[in-house]
Amino acid sequence: GKPVNIHNAKVGMKVEKQTITSTTPRVITTVETVSGTVWHVAPPST
């Protein structure tokens, strides 16, 4: 129950390290909206 660092560790001490890796998938949805009036059209590209 007490923290021990490099300065008060001792030879013969048993250590154990547990690494818990949490993986969460997610989807980021971005909606970009622009409004305007057609001034010129050059189909089918611009």
All heavy atoms as atom14 arrays in JSON, in Angstrom:
{
  "sequence": "GKPVNIHNAKVGMKVEKQTITSTTPRVITTVETVSGTVWHVAPPST",
  "atom14_mask": [
    [1, 1, 1, 1, 0, 0, 0, 0, 0, 0, 0, 0, 0, 0],
    [1, 1, 1, 1, 1, 1, 1, 1, 1, 0, 0, 0, 0, 0],
    [1, 1, 1, 1, 1, 1, 1, 0, 0, 0, 0, 0, 0, 0],
    [1, 1, 1, 1, 1, 1, 1, 0, 0, 0, 0, 0, 0, 0],
    [1, 1, 1, 1, 1, 1, 1, 1, 0, 0, 0, 0, 0, 0],
    [1, 1, 1, 1, 1, 1, 1, 1, 0, 0, 0, 0, 0, 0],
    [1, 1, 1, 1, 1, 1, 1, 1, 1, 1, 0, 0, 0, 0],
    [1, 1, 1, 1, 1, 1, 1, 1, 0, 0, 0, 0, 0, 0],
    [1, 1, 1, 1, 1, 0, 0, 0, 0, 0, 0, 0, 0, 0],
    [1, 1, 1, 1, 1, 1, 1, 1, 1, 0, 0, 0, 0, 0],
    [1, 1, 1, 1, 1, 1, 1, 0, 0, 0, 0, 0, 0, 0],
    [1, 1, 1, 1, 0, 0, 0, 0, 0, 0, 0, 0, 0, 0],
    [1, 1, 1, 1, 1, 1, 1, 1, 0, 0, 0, 0, 0, 0],
    [1, 1, 1, 1, 1, 1, 1, 1, 1, 0, 0, 0, 0, 0],
    [1, 1, 1, 1, 1, 1, 1, 0, 0, 0, 0, 0, 0, 0],
    [1, 1, 1, 1, 1, 1, 1, 1, 1, 0, 0, 0, 0, 0],
    [1, 1, 1, 1, 1, 1, 1, 1, 1, 0, 0, 0, 0, 0],
    [1, 1, 1, 1, 1, 1, 1, 1, 1, 0, 0, 0, 0, 0],
    [1, 1, 1, 1, 1, 1, 1, 0, 0, 0, 0, 0, 0, 0],
    [1, 1, 1, 1, 1, 1, 1, 1, 0, 0, 0, 0, 0, 0],
    [1, 1, 1, 1, 1, 1, 1, 0, 0, 0, 0, 0, 0, 0],
    [1, 1, 1, 1, 1, 1, 0, 0, 0, 0, 0, 0, 0, 0],
    [1, 1, 1, 1, 1, 1, 1, 0, 0, 0, 0, 0, 0, 0],
    [1, 1, 1, 1, 1, 1, 1, 0, 0, 0, 0, 0, 0, 0],
    [1, 1, 1, 1, 1, 1, 1, 0, 0, 0, 0, 0, 0, 0],
    [1, 1, 1, 1, 1, 1, 1, 1, 1, 1, 1, 0, 0, 0],
    [1, 1, 1, 1, 1, 1, 1, 0, 0, 0, 0, 0, 0, 0],
    [1, 1, 1, 1, 1, 1, 1, 1, 0, 0, 0, 0, 0, 0],
    [1, 1, 1, 1, 1, 1, 1, 0, 0, 0, 0, 0, 0, 0],
    [1, 1, 1, 1, 1, 1, 1, 0, 0, 0, 0, 0, 0, 0],
    [1, 1, 1, 1, 1, 1, 1, 0, 0, 0, 0, 0, 0, 0],
    [1, 1, 1, 1, 1, 1, 1, 1, 1, 0, 0, 0, 0, 0],
    [1, 1, 1, 1, 1, 1, 1, 0, 0, 0, 0, 0, 0, 0],
    [1, 1, 1, 1, 1, 1, 1, 0, 0, 0, 0, 0, 0, 0],
    [1, 1, 1, 1, 1, 1, 0, 0, 0, 0, 0, 0, 0, 0],
    [1, 1, 1, 1, 0, 0, 0, 0, 0, 0, 0, 0, 0, 0],
    [1, 1, 1, 1, 1, 1, 1, 0, 0, 0, 0, 0, 0, 0],
    [1, 1, 1, 1, 1, 1, 1, 0, 0, 0, 0, 0, 0, 0],
    [1, 1, 1, 1, 1, 1, 1, 1, 1, 1, 1, 1, 1, 1],
    [1, 1, 1, 1, 1, 1, 1, 1, 1, 1, 0, 0, 0, 0],
    [1, 1, 1, 1, 1, 1, 1, 0, 0, 0, 0, 0, 0, 0],
    [1, 1, 1, 1, 1, 0, 0, 0, 0, 0, 0, 0, 0, 0],
    [1, 1, 1, 1, 1, 1, 1, 0, 0, 0, 0, 0, 0, 0],
    [1, 1, 1, 1, 1, 1, 1, 0, 0, 0, 0, 0, 0, 0],
    [1, 1, 1, 1, 1, 1, 0, 0, 0, 0, 0, 0, 0, 0],
    [1, 1, 1, 1, 1, 1, 1, 0, 0, 0, 0, 0, 0, 0]
  ],
  "atom14_positions": [
    [[0.78, -1.23, 0.0], [0.0, 0.0, 0.0], [0.8, 1.27, 0.0], [0.23, 2.36, 0.08], [0.0, 0.0, 0.0], [0.0, 0.0, 0.0], [0.0, 0.0, 0.0], [0.0, 0.0, 0.0], [0.0, 0.0, 0.0], [0.0, 0.0, 0.0], [0.0, 0.0, 0.0], [0.0, 0.0, 0.0], [0.0, 0.0, 0.0], [0.0, 0.0, 0.0]],
    [[2.15, 1.18, -0.1], [3.0, 2.37, -0.09], [3.81, 2.42, -1.38], [4.29, 1.39, -1.86], [3.93, 2.35, 1.11], [3.21, 2.38, 2.45], [4.21, 2.34, 3.6], [3.51, 2.35, 4.95], [4.46, 2.31, 6.08], [0.0, 0.0, 0.0], [0.0, 0.0, 0.0], [0.0, 0.0, 0.0], [0.0, 0.0, 0.0], [0.0, 0.0, 0.0]],
    [[3.99, 3.62, -1.95], [4.79, 3.74, -3.18], [6.28, 3.57, -2.89], [6.81, 4.11, -1.92], [4.47, 5.15, -3.68], [4.08, 5.92, -2.46], [3.41, 4.92, -1.54], [0.0, 0.0, 0.0], [0.0, 0.0, 0.0], [0.0, 0.0, 0.0], [0.0, 0.0, 0.0], [0.0, 0.0, 0.0], [0.0, 0.0, 0.0], [0.0, 0.0, 0.0]],
    [[6.95, 2.81, -3.72], [8.39, 2.58, -3.62], [9.02, 2.97, -4.94], [8.6, 2.51, -6.0], [8.7, 1.1, -3.3], [10.2, 0.84, -3.33], [8.12, 0.72, -1.94], [0.0, 0.0, 0.0], [0.0, 0.0, 0.0], [0.0, 0.0, 0.0], [0.0, 0.0, 0.0], [0.0, 0.0, 0.0], [0.0, 0.0, 0.0], [0.0, 0.0, 0.0]],
    [[10.05, 3.86, -4.88], [10.73, 4.27, -6.1], [12.15, 3.7, -6.13], [12.51, 2.85, -5.32], [10.73, 5.79, -6.25], [11.46, 6.49, -5.11], [12.14, 5.85, -4.31], [11.32, 7.79, -5.02], [0.0, 0.0, 0.0], [0.0, 0.0, 0.0], [0.0, 0.0, 0.0], [0.0, 0.0, 0.0], [0.0, 0.0, 0.0], [0.0, 0.0, 0.0]],
    [[12.95, 4.21, -7.05], [14.29, 3.65, -7.27], [15.19, 3.82, -6.06], [16.1, 3.04, -5.84], [14.93, 4.3, -8.53], [16.25, 3.62, -8.88], [15.11, 5.78, -8.31], [16.13, 2.2, -9.27], [0.0, 0.0, 0.0], [0.0, 0.0, 0.0], [0.0, 0.0, 0.0], [0.0, 0.0, 0.0], [0.0, 0.0, 0.0], [0.0, 0.0, 0.0]],
    [[14.92, 4.84, -5.21], [15.81, 5.13, -4.1], [15.59, 4.22, -2.89], [16.5, 4.04, -2.08], [15.68, 6.59, -3.68], [16.17, 7.55, -4.71], [17.45, 7.5, -5.22], [15.55, 8.57, -5.36], [17.6, 8.46, -6.13], [16.45, 9.12, -6.23], [0.0, 0.0, 0.0], [0.0, 0.0, 0.0], [0.0, 0.0, 0.0], [0.0, 0.0, 0.0]],
    [[14.38, 3.67, -2.73], [14.17, 2.77, -1.61], [13.84, 1.36, -2.04], [13.35, 0.56, -1.24], [13.07, 3.32, -0.66], [11.86, 3.81, -1.45], [11.61, 3.36, -2.56], [11.11, 4.72, -0.87], [0.0, 0.0, 0.0], [0.0, 0.0, 0.0], [0.0, 0.0, 0.0], [0.0, 0.0, 0.0], [0.0, 0.0, 0.0], [0.0, 0.0, 0.0]],
    [[14.1, 1.05, -3.31], [13.99, -0.34, -3.76], [15.21, -1.12, -3.29], [16.26, -0.55, -2.97], [13.87, -0.4, -5.28], [0.0, 0.0, 0.0], [0.0, 0.0, 0.0], [0.0, 0.0, 0.0], [0.0, 0.0, 0.0], [0.0, 0.0, 0.0], [0.0, 0.0, 0.0], [0.0, 0.0, 0.0], [0.0, 0.0, 0.0], [0.0, 0.0, 0.0]],
    [[15.09, -2.44, -3.23], [16.16, -3.29, -2.73], [16.4, -4.45, -3.69], [15.49, -4.88, -4.4], [15.82, -3.84, -1.34], [15.69, -2.78, -0.26], [15.4, -3.41, 1.07], [15.28, -2.35, 2.17], [14.99, -2.97, 3.5], [0.0, 0.0, 0.0], [0.0, 0.0, 0.0], [0.0, 0.0, 0.0], [0.0, 0.0, 0.0], [0.0, 0.0, 0.0]],
    [[17.63, -4.91, -3.68], [17.98, -6.1, -4.47], [17.2, -7.29, -3.92], [17.11, -7.49, -2.71], [19.5, -6.36, -4.42], [19.83, -7.68, -5.1], [20.25, -5.23, -5.09], [0.0, 0.0, 0.0], [0.0, 0.0, 0.0], [0.0, 0.0, 0.0], [0.0, 0.0, 0.0], [0.0, 0.0, 0.0], [0.0, 0.0, 0.0], [0.0, 0.0, 0.0]],
    [[16.65, -8.1, -4.8], [15.83, -9.23, -4.41], [14.35, -8.92, -4.41], [13.52, -9.82, -4.22], [0.0, 0.0, 0.0], [0.0, 0.0, 0.0], [0.0, 0.0, 0.0], [0.0, 0.0, 0.0], [0.0, 0.0, 0.0], [0.0, 0.0, 0.0], [0.0, 0.0, 0.0], [0.0, 0.0, 0.0], [0.0, 0.0, 0.0], [0.0, 0.0, 0.0]],
    [[14.0, -7.66, -4.63], [12.59, -7.26, -4.65], [11.91, -7.8, -5.9], [12.45, -7.74, -7.0], [12.51, -5.72, -4.61], [11.12, -5.15, -4.68], [11.18, -3.33, -4.6], [9.45, -2.96, -4.86], [0.0, 0.0, 0.0], [0.0, 0.0, 0.0], [0.0, 0.0, 0.0], [0.0, 0.0, 0.0], [0.0, 0.0, 0.0], [0.0, 0.0, 0.0]],
    [[10.72, -8.37, -5.74], [9.92, -8.87, -6.85], [9.01, -7.74, -7.32], [8.35, -7.08, -6.52], [9.07, -10.06, -6.42], [9.85, -11.2, -5.77], [10.63, -12.0, -6.78], [11.27, -13.22, -6.12], [12.01, -14.05, -7.08], [0.0, 0.0, 0.0], [0.0, 0.0, 0.0], [0.0, 0.0, 0.0], [0.0, 0.0, 0.0], [0.0, 0.0, 0.0]],
    [[8.97, -7.53, -8.64], [8.14, -6.47, -9.2], [7.23, -7.07, -10.26], [7.57, -8.05, -10.92], [8.99, -5.32, -9.8], [9.76, -4.61, -8.72], [9.94, -5.86, -10.86], [0.0, 0.0, 0.0], [0.0, 0.0, 0.0], [0.0, 0.0, 0.0], [0.0, 0.0, 0.0], [0.0, 0.0, 0.0], [0.0, 0.0, 0.0], [0.0, 0.0, 0.0]],
    [[6.07, -6.46, -10.41], [5.09, -6.9, -11.41], [4.46, -5.66, -12.04], [4.07, -4.74, -11.34], [4.02, -7.78, -10.77], [2.96, -8.26, -11.76], [1.94, -9.18, -11.12], [2.34, -10.25, -10.62], [0.74, -8.82, -11.09], [0.0, 0.0, 0.0], [0.0, 0.0, 0.0], [0.0, 0.0, 0.0], [0.0, 0.0, 0.0], [0.0, 0.0, 0.0]],
    [[4.36, -5.68, -13.35], [3.79, -4.56, -14.09], [2.63, -5.06, -14.95], [2.79, -5.95, -15.77], [4.86, -3.91, -14.98], [4.33, -2.77, -15.85], [5.44, -2.24, -16.73], [4.94, -1.14, -17.67], [6.01, -0.67, -18.56], [0.0, 0.0, 0.0], [0.0, 0.0, 0.0], [0.0, 0.0, 0.0], [0.0, 0.0, 0.0], [0.0, 0.0, 0.0]],
    [[1.46, -4.49, -14.7], [0.27, -4.81, -15.48], [-0.08, -3.62, -16.36], [-0.22, -2.5, -15.87], [-0.91, -5.15, -14.57], [-0.79, -6.45, -13.82], [-2.07, -6.79, -13.07], [-3.06, -6.07, -13.16], [-2.05, -7.88, -12.33], [0.0, 0.0, 0.0], [0.0, 0.0, 0.0], [0.0, 0.0, 0.0], [0.0, 0.0, 0.0], [0.0, 0.0, 0.0]],
    [[-0.18, -3.88, -17.64], [-0.56, -2.85, -18.6], [-1.93, -3.19, -19.17], [-2.09, -4.22, -19.83], [0.46, -2.73, -19.73], [1.76, -2.47, -19.17], [0.1, -1.59, -20.67], [0.0, 0.0, 0.0], [0.0, 0.0, 0.0], [0.0, 0.0, 0.0], [0.0, 0.0, 0.0], [0.0, 0.0, 0.0], [0.0, 0.0, 0.0], [0.0, 0.0, 0.0]],
    [[-2.89, -2.34, -18.87], [-4.26, -2.54, -19.36], [-4.46, -1.61, -20.55], [-4.42, -0.39, -20.42], [-5.29, -2.24, -18.27], [-5.01, -3.11, -17.04], [-6.7, -2.46, -18.78], [-5.87, -2.78, -15.84], [0.0, 0.0, 0.0], [0.0, 0.0, 0.0], [0.0, 0.0, 0.0], [0.0, 0.0, 0.0], [0.0, 0.0, 0.0], [0.0, 0.0, 0.0]],
    [[-4.67, -2.2, -21.73], [-4.86, -1.44, -22.95], [-6.34, -1.45, -23.33], [-6.92, -2.52, -23.51], [-4.03, -2.02, -24.1], [-2.64, -2.05, -23.7], [-4.17, -1.18, -25.36], [0.0, 0.0, 0.0], [0.0, 0.0, 0.0], [0.0, 0.0, 0.0], [0.0, 0.0, 0.0], [0.0, 0.0, 0.0], [0.0, 0.0, 0.0], [0.0, 0.0, 0.0]],
    [[-6.93, -0.27, -23.4], [-8.34, -0.12, -23.79], [-8.42, 0.4, -25.21], [-7.8, 1.42, -25.54], [-9.07, 0.83, -22.84], [-9.0, 0.35, -21.5], [0.0, 0.0, 0.0], [0.0, 0.0, 0.0], [0.0, 0.0, 0.0], [0.0, 0.0, 0.0], [0.0, 0.0, 0.0], [0.0, 0.0, 0.0], [0.0, 0.0, 0.0], [0.0, 0.0, 0.0]],
    [[-9.18, -0.3, -26.05], [-9.32, 0.08, -27.45], [-10.79, 0.35, -27.73], [-11.65, -0.52, -27.5], [-8.81, -1.04, -28.38], [-7.44, -1.34, -28.03], [-8.87, -0.62, -29.83], [0.0, 0.0, 0.0], [0.0, 0.0, 0.0], [0.0, 0.0, 0.0], [0.0, 0.0, 0.0], [0.0, 0.0, 0.0], [0.0, 0.0, 0.0], [0.0, 0.0, 0.0]],
    [[-11.07, 1.57, -28.23], [-12.45, 1.96, -28.5], [-12.55, 2.46, -29.94], [-11.92, 3.47, -30.28], [-12.91, 3.08, -27.55], [-12.73, 2.65, -26.19], [-14.37, 3.43, -27.79], [0.0, 0.0, 0.0], [0.0, 0.0, 0.0], [0.0, 0.0, 0.0], [0.0, 0.0, 0.0], [0.0, 0.0, 0.0], [0.0, 0.0, 0.0], [0.0, 0.0, 0.0]],
    [[-13.3, 1.78, -30.81], [-13.51, 2.3, -32.17], [-14.54, 3.42, -32.16], [-15.48, 3.42, -31.36], [-14.01, 1.07, -32.93], [-14.7, 0.24, -31.89], [-13.94, 0.48, -30.6], [0.0, 0.0, 0.0], [0.0, 0.0, 0.0], [0.0, 0.0, 0.0], [0.0, 0.0, 0.0], [0.0, 0.0, 0.0], [0.0, 0.0, 0.0], [0.0, 0.0, 0.0]],
    [[-14.35, 4.38, -33.03], [-15.33, 5.45, -33.17], [-15.32, 5.97, -34.6], [-14.35, 5.79, -35.34], [-15.05, 6.59, -32.2], [-13.81, 7.39, -32.5], [-13.68, 8.58, -31.57], [-12.49, 9.38, -31.89], [-12.18, 10.52, -31.27], [-12.96, 10.97, -30.3], [-11.09, 11.2, -31.6], [0.0, 0.0, 0.0], [0.0, 0.0, 0.0], [0.0, 0.0, 0.0]],
    [[-16.4, 6.62, -34.96], [-16.54, 7.21, -36.29], [-16.85, 8.7, -36.12], [-17.82, 9.06, -35.44], [-17.65, 6.52, -37.11], [-17.82, 7.21, -38.46], [-17.34, 5.05, -37.31], [0.0, 0.0, 0.0], [0.0, 0.0, 0.0], [0.0, 0.0, 0.0], [0.0, 0.0, 0.0], [0.0, 0.0, 0.0], [0.0, 0.0, 0.0], [0.0, 0.0, 0.0]],
    [[-16.02, 9.52, -36.71], [-16.22, 10.97, -36.68], [-16.92, 11.38, -37.97], [-16.37, 11.2, -39.06], [-14.89, 11.73, -36.52], [-14.13, 11.25, -35.28], [-15.14, 13.23, -36.45], [-14.85, 11.5, -33.98], [0.0, 0.0, 0.0], [0.0, 0.0, 0.0], [0.0, 0.0, 0.0], [0.0, 0.0, 0.0], [0.0, 0.0, 0.0], [0.0, 0.0, 0.0]],
    [[-18.11, 11.92, -37.84], [-18.89, 12.37, -39.0], [-18.87, 13.89, -39.04], [-19.27, 14.54, -38.06], [-20.33, 11.85, -38.92], [-20.31, 10.42, -38.86], [-21.11, 12.28, -40.16], [0.0, 0.0, 0.0], [0.0, 0.0, 0.0], [0.0, 0.0, 0.0], [0.0, 0.0, 0.0], [0.0, 0.0, 0.0], [0.0, 0.0, 0.0], [0.0, 0.0, 0.0]],
    [[-18.42, 14.42, -40.16], [-18.35, 15.88, -40.34], [-19.23, 16.27, -41.52], [-19.09, 15.72, -42.63], [-16.91, 16.33, -40.6], [-16.08, 15.91, -39.51], [-16.83, 17.84, -40.73], [0.0, 0.0, 0.0], [0.0, 0.0, 0.0], [0.0, 0.0, 0.0], [0.0, 0.0, 0.0], [0.0, 0.0, 0.0], [0.0, 0.0, 0.0], [0.0, 0.0, 0.0]],
    [[-20.14, 17.2, -41.27], [-21.04, 17.7, -42.31], [-20.7, 19.16, -42.56], [-20.83, 20.0, -41.66], [-22.51, 17.55, -41.91], [-23.42, 18.09, -43.02], [-22.85, 16.09, -41.63], [0.0, 0.0, 0.0], [0.0, 0.0, 0.0], [0.0, 0.0, 0.0], [0.0, 0.0, 0.0], [0.0, 0.0, 0.0], [0.0, 0.0, 0.0], [0.0, 0.0, 0.0]],
    [[-20.24, 19.47, -43.77], [-19.9, 20.85, -44.17], [-20.95, 21.32, -45.17], [-21.23, 20.64, -46.16], [-18.51, 20.9, -44.78], [-17.41, 20.5, -43.79], [-16.06, 20.39, -44.46], [-15.91, 19.49, -45.3], [-15.18, 21.22, -44.15], [0.0, 0.0, 0.0], [0.0, 0.0, 0.0], [0.0, 0.0, 0.0], [0.0, 0.0, 0.0], [0.0, 0.0, 0.0]],
    [[-21.49, 22.47, -44.89], [-22.59, 22.99, -45.7], [-22.24, 24.37, -46.22], [-21.72, 25.21, -45.47], [-23.9, 23.07, -44.89], [-24.19, 21.78, -44.36], [-25.06, 23.52, -45.77], [0.0, 0.0, 0.0], [0.0, 0.0, 0.0], [0.0, 0.0, 0.0], [0.0, 0.0, 0.0], [0.0, 0.0, 0.0], [0.0, 0.0, 0.0], [0.0, 0.0, 0.0]],
    [[-22.51, 24.61, -47.5], [-22.32, 25.93, -48.09], [-23.55, 26.27, -48.93], [-24.11, 25.41, -49.61], [-21.04, 25.98, -48.97], [-21.14, 25.03, -50.15], [-20.76, 27.41, -49.45], [0.0, 0.0, 0.0], [0.0, 0.0, 0.0], [0.0, 0.0, 0.0], [0.0, 0.0, 0.0], [0.0, 0.0, 0.0], [0.0, 0.0, 0.0], [0.0, 0.0, 0.0]],
    [[-24.0, 27.5, -48.82], [-25.18, 27.96, -49.56], [-24.79, 29.08, -50.51], [-23.92, 29.9, -50.19], [-26.27, 28.46, -48.6], [-26.68, 27.41, -47.73], [0.0, 0.0, 0.0], [0.0, 0.0, 0.0], [0.0, 0.0, 0.0], [0.0, 0.0, 0.0], [0.0, 0.0, 0.0], [0.0, 0.0, 0.0], [0.0, 0.0, 0.0], [0.0, 0.0, 0.0]],
    [[-25.42, 29.13, -51.67], [-25.12, 30.18, -52.64], [-26.02, 30.09, -53.86], [-26.89, 29.23, -53.97], [0.0, 0.0, 0.0], [0.0, 0.0, 0.0], [0.0, 0.0, 0.0], [0.0, 0.0, 0.0], [0.0, 0.0, 0.0], [0.0, 0.0, 0.0], [0.0, 0.0, 0.0], [0.0, 0.0, 0.0], [0.0, 0.0, 0.0], [0.0, 0.0, 0.0]],
    [[-25.77, 31.02, -54.76], [-26.52, 31.09, -56.01], [-25.59, 30.81, -57.17], [-24.46, 31.32, -57.2], [-27.16, 32.49, -56.19], [-28.0, 32.77, -55.06], [-27.99, 32.54, -57.46], [0.0, 0.0, 0.0], [0.0, 0.0, 0.0], [0.0, 0.0, 0.0], [0.0, 0.0, 0.0], [0.0, 0.0, 0.0], [0.0, 0.0, 0.0], [0.0, 0.0, 0.0]],
    [[-26.07, 29.96, -58.09], [-25.23, 29.61, -59.23], [-24.97, 30.86, -60.07], [-25.9, 31.51, -60.56], [-25.9, 28.52, -60.09], [-25.05, 28.23, -61.32], [-26.14, 27.26, -59.3], [0.0, 0.0, 0.0], [0.0, 0.0, 0.0], [0.0, 0.0, 0.0], [0.0, 0.0, 0.0], [0.0, 0.0, 0.0], [0.0, 0.0, 0.0], [0.0, 0.0, 0.0]],
    [[-23.68, 31.21, -60.17], [-23.29, 32.36, -60.99], [-22.78, 31.9, -62.34], [-23.03, 32.53, -63.36], [-22.22, 33.15, -60.26], [-21.84, 34.42, -60.97], [-22.5, 35.61, -60.95], [-20.69, 34.61, -61.82], [-21.86, 36.56, -61.72], [-20.73, 35.95, -62.28], [-19.64, 33.79, -62.22], [-19.76, 36.49, -63.12], [-18.69, 34.33, -63.08], [-18.74, 35.67, -63.51]],
    [[-22.09, 30.76, -62.34], [-21.62, 30.19, -63.6], [-21.39, 28.69, -63.36], [-20.95, 28.29, -62.28], [-20.31, 30.84, -64.07], [-19.75, 30.23, -65.3], [-20.29, 30.43, -66.56], [-18.67, 29.39, -65.48], [-19.59, 29.77, -67.46], [-18.6, 29.13, -66.83], [0.0, 0.0, 0.0], [0.0, 0.0, 0.0], [0.0, 0.0, 0.0], [0.0, 0.0, 0.0]],
    [[-21.68, 27.88, -64.37], [-21.47, 26.45, -64.29], [-20.79, 25.98, -65.56], [-21.13, 26.44, -66.67], [-22.8, 25.69, -64.07], [-23.79, 25.92, -65.21], [-22.55, 24.2, -63.86], [0.0, 0.0, 0.0], [0.0, 0.0, 0.0], [0.0, 0.0, 0.0], [0.0, 0.0, 0.0], [0.0, 0.0, 0.0], [0.0, 0.0, 0.0], [0.0, 0.0, 0.0]],
    [[-19.8, 25.13, -65.38], [-19.1, 24.52, -66.52], [-19.16, 23.02, -66.3], [-18.24, 22.4, -65.75], [-17.66, 25.0, -66.59], [0.0, 0.0, 0.0], [0.0, 0.0, 0.0], [0.0, 0.0, 0.0], [0.0, 0.0, 0.0], [0.0, 0.0, 0.0], [0.0, 0.0, 0.0], [0.0, 0.0, 0.0], [0.0, 0.0, 0.0], [0.0, 0.0, 0.0]],
    [[-20.3, 22.4, -66.67], [-20.48, 20.99, -66.43], [-19.49, 20.18, -67.27], [-19.13, 20.62, -68.37], [-21.93, 20.73, -66.86], [-22.23, 21.81, -67.83], [-21.42, 22.99, -67.43], [0.0, 0.0, 0.0], [0.0, 0.0, 0.0], [0.0, 0.0, 0.0], [0.0, 0.0, 0.0], [0.0, 0.0, 0.0], [0.0, 0.0, 0.0], [0.0, 0.0, 0.0]],
    [[-19.03, 19.05, -66.73], [-19.42, 18.48, -65.42], [-18.39, 18.7, -64.34], [-18.38, 17.98, -63.35], [-19.53, 17.01, -65.76], [-18.41, 16.79, -66.73], [-18.27, 18.05, -67.52], [0.0, 0.0, 0.0], [0.0, 0.0, 0.0], [0.0, 0.0, 0.0], [0.0, 0.0, 0.0], [0.0, 0.0, 0.0], [0.0, 0.0, 0.0], [0.0, 0.0, 0.0]],
    [[-17.49, 19.71, -64.5], [-16.34, 19.8, -63.59], [-16.44, 20.9, -62.54], [-16.09, 20.66, -61.38], [-15.06, 19.99, -64.4], [-15.16, 21.15, -65.22], [0.0, 0.0, 0.0], [0.0, 0.0, 0.0], [0.0, 0.0, 0.0], [0.0, 0.0, 0.0], [0.0, 0.0, 0.0], [0.0, 0.0, 0.0], [0.0, 0.0, 0.0], [0.0, 0.0, 0.0]],
    [[-16.91, 22.1, -62.88], [-16.87, 23.21, -61.94], [-18.17, 23.98, -61.92], [-18.95, 23.95, -62.89], [-15.72, 24.19, -62.27], [-15.94, 24.71, -63.59], [-14.37, 23.51, -62.18], [0.0, 0.0, 0.0], [0.0, 0.0, 0.0], [0.0, 0.0, 0.0], [0.0, 0.0, 0.0], [0.0, 0.0, 0.0], [0.0, 0.0, 0.0], [0.0, 0.0, 0.0]]
  ]
}
